[in-house]
C-alpha atoms as a PDB file:
ATOM      1  CA  MET A   1       7.571   1.788  17.357  1.00  0.00           C
ATOM      2  CA  ILE A   2       6.691   4.326  14.712  1.00  0.00           C
ATOM      3  CA  ALA A   3       9.840   3.463  12.764  1.00  0.00           C
ATOM      4  CA  VAL A   4       8.810  -0.210  12.800  1.00  0.00           C
ATOM      5  CA  TRP A   5       5.425   0.601  11.273  1.00  0.00           C
ATOM      6  CA  LEU A   6       7.039   2.916   8.737  1.00  0.00           C
ATOM      7  CA  GLY A   7       9.352   0.049   7.763  1.00  0.00           C
ATOM      8  CA  LEU A   8       6.466  -2.416   7.562  1.00  0.00           C
ATOM      9  CA  GLY A   9       4.558   0.051   5.392  1.00  0.00           C
ATOM     10  CA  LEU A  10       7.570   0.403   3.103  1.00  0.00           C
ATOM     11  CA  LEU A  11       7.970  -3.369   2.961  1.00  0.00           C
ATOM     12  CA  ALA A  12       4.295  -3.964   2.175  1.00  0.00           C
ATOM     13  CA  GLY A  13       4.372  -1.205  -0.434  1.00  0.00           C
ATOM     14  CA  GLY A  14       7.457  -2.756  -2.009  1.00  0.00           C
ATOM     15  CA  VAL A  15       5.790  -6.154  -2.160  1.00  0.00           C
ATOM     16  CA  ASN A  16       2.702  -4.548  -3.707  1.00  0.00           C
ATOM     17  CA  TRP A  17       4.837  -2.730  -6.277  1.00  0.00           C
ATOM     18  CA  TYR A  18       6.753  -5.885  -7.166  1.00  0.00           C
ATOM     19  CA  SER A  19       3.514  -7.842  -7.503  1.00  0.00           C
ATOM     20  CA  GLN A  20       1.984  -5.238  -9.812  1.00  0.00           C
ATOM     21  CA  ARG A  21       5.157  -5.015 -11.875  1.00  0.00           C
ATOM     22  CA  ARG A  22       5.372  -8.794 -12.226  1.00  0.00           C
ATOM     23  CA  ASN A  23       1.698  -9.011 -13.154  1.00  0.00           C
ATOM     24  CA  VAL A  24       2.071  -6.366 -15.882  1.00  0.00           C
ATOM     25  CA  THR A  25       5.192  -7.917 -17.394  1.00  0.00           C
ATOM     26  CA  ARG A  26       3.572 -11.346 -17.577  1.00  0.00           C
ATOM     27  CA  MET A  27       0.524 -10.125 -19.509  1.00  0.00           C
ATOM     28  CA  THR A  28       0.719 -11.608 -22.979  1.00  0.00           C
ATOM     29  CA  ASN A  29      -1.723 -12.555 -25.686  1.00  0.00           C
ATOM     30  CA  VAL A  30      -1.250 -16.194 -24.747  1.00  0.00           C
ATOM     31  CA  ALA A  31      -2.558 -15.596 -21.237  1.00  0.00           C
ATOM     32  CA  ALA A  32      -5.380 -13.288 -22.314  1.00  0.00           C
ATOM     33  CA  HIS A  33      -8.085 -15.669 -21.137  1.00  0.00           C
ATOM     34  CA  THR A  34      -6.667 -15.773 -17.585  1.00  0.00           C
ATOM     35  CA  ALA A  35      -5.886 -12.052 -17.373  1.00  0.00           C
ATOM     36  CA  PRO A  36      -9.084 -10.910 -15.620  1.00  0.00           C
ATOM     37  CA  ALA A  37      -8.756 -13.562 -12.921  1.00  0.00           C
ATOM     38  CA  ARG A  38      -5.063 -12.784 -12.391  1.00  0.00           C
ATOM     39  CA  VAL A  39      -5.746  -9.071 -12.107  1.00  0.00           C
ATOM     40  CA  LEU A  40      -8.633  -9.597  -9.688  1.00  0.00           C
ATOM     41  CA  ILE A  41      -6.753 -12.049  -7.459  1.00  0.00           C
ATOM     42  CA  GLY A  42      -3.632  -9.891  -7.445  1.00  0.00           C
ATOM     43  CA  THR A  43      -5.633  -6.788  -6.610  1.00  0.00           C
ATOM     44  CA  LEU A  44      -7.407  -8.524  -3.745  1.00  0.00           C
ATOM     45  CA  LEU A  45      -4.125  -9.843  -2.331  1.00  0.00           C
ATOM     46  CA  ARG A  46      -2.472  -6.408  -2.519  1.00  0.00           C
ATOM     47  CA  LEU A  47      -5.496  -4.730  -0.965  1.00  0.00           C
ATOM     48  CA  THR A  48      -5.598  -7.323   1.830  1.00  0.00           C
ATOM     49  CA  LEU A  49      -1.904  -6.875   2.593  1.00  0.00           C
ATOM     50  CA  SER A  50      -2.242  -3.098   2.752  1.00  0.00           C
ATOM     51  CA  ALA A  51      -5.382  -3.317   4.881  1.00  0.00           C
ATOM     52  CA  LEU A  52      -3.739  -5.724   7.334  1.00  0.00           C
ATOM     53  CA  VAL A  53      -0.701  -3.474   7.745  1.00  0.00           C
ATOM     54  CA  LEU A  54      -2.841  -0.382   8.219  1.00  0.00           C
ATOM     55  CA  ALA A  55      -5.275  -2.107  10.600  1.00  0.00           C
ATOM     56  CA  GLY A  56      -2.442  -3.491  12.711  1.00  0.00           C
ATOM     57  CA  ALA A  57      -0.783  -0.102  12.864  1.00  0.00           C
ATOM     58  CA  VAL A  58      -3.961   1.770  13.778  1.00  0.00           C
ATOM     59  CA  MET A  59      -4.661  -0.747  16.549  1.00  0.00           C
ATOM     60  CA  ASN A  60      -1.278   0.278  17.946  1.00  0.00           C
ATOM     61  CA  GLY A  61      -2.175   3.971  17.799  1.00  0.00           C
ATOM     62  CA  LEU A  62      -2.876   6.756  15.364  1.00  0.00           C
ATOM     63  CA  PRO A  63       0.783   7.835  14.954  1.00  0.00           C
ATOM     64  CA  SER A  64       1.681   4.238  14.058  1.00  0.00           C
ATOM     65  CA  GLY A  65      -1.159   4.146  11.540  1.00  0.00           C
ATOM     66  CA  LEU A  66       0.038   7.357   9.948  1.00  0.00           C
ATOM     67  CA  ALA A  67       3.585   5.997   9.806  1.00  0.00           C
ATOM     68  CA  ALA A  68       2.389   2.793   8.091  1.00  0.00           C
ATOM     69  CA  PHE A  69       0.385   4.878   5.619  1.00  0.00           C
ATOM     70  CA  ALA A  70       3.445   7.048   4.963  1.00  0.00           C
ATOM     71  CA  GLY A  71       5.471   3.896   4.307  1.00  0.00           C
ATOM     72  CA  LEU A  72       2.908   2.605   1.801  1.00  0.00           C
ATOM     73  CA  TRP A  73       2.764   6.031   0.165  1.00  0.00           C
ATOM     74  CA  LEU A  74       6.543   6.382  -0.051  1.00  0.00           C
ATOM     75  CA  ALA A  75       6.927   2.899  -1.510  1.00  0.00           C
ATOM     76  CA  ARG A  76       4.365   3.773  -4.184  1.00  0.00           C
ATOM     77  CA  TRP A  77       6.263   6.908  -5.196  1.00  0.00           C
ATOM     78  CA  ILE A  78       9.627   5.189  -5.078  1.00  0.00           C
ATOM     79  CA  GLY A  79       8.209   2.528  -7.405  1.00  0.00           C
ATOM     80  CA  ILE A  80       6.882   5.162  -9.795  1.00  0.00           C
ATOM     81  CA  ALA A  81      10.180   7.036  -9.768  1.00  0.00           C
ATOM     82  CA  SER A  82      12.130   3.830 -10.390  1.00  0.00           C
ATOM     83  CA  LEU A  83      10.290   3.147 -13.656  1.00  0.00           C
ATOM     84  CA  LYS A  84      12.649   5.557 -15.376  1.00  0.00           C
ATOM     85  CA  ARG A  85      15.678   3.502 -14.325  1.00  0.00           C
ATOM     86  CA  LEU A  86      14.002   0.087 -14.469  1.00  0.00           C
ATOM     87  CA  PRO A  87      11.561   0.166 -17.391  1.00  0.00           C
ATOM     88  CA  LEU A  88       9.060  -2.638 -17.790  1.00  0.00           C
ATOM     89  CA  THR A  89      10.379  -5.415 -20.004  1.00  0.00           C
ATOM     90  CA  GLU A  90       8.928  -8.738 -21.048  1.00  0.00           C
ATOM     91  CA  GLU A  91      10.259 -11.780 -19.240  1.00  0.00           C
END
């Protein structure tokens, strides 16, 4: 069960990373007036997803919660490390 929560943490972290990356690449001067709302909504969605994964894992037990946290943490670092190979570009 721990591997399942680790995988869900990695998946949620990957979705969070992709969402942040997409949000950053779509920031342009044209959309400057909608930028604060987009950032706030995106942040709340990412925070909610992470909180749901962590809460579900902790309800299953502390080792599951730690595994989900490790998955989120690993996905974050994998995303940071991948910026060298996949630099941000405008769409």
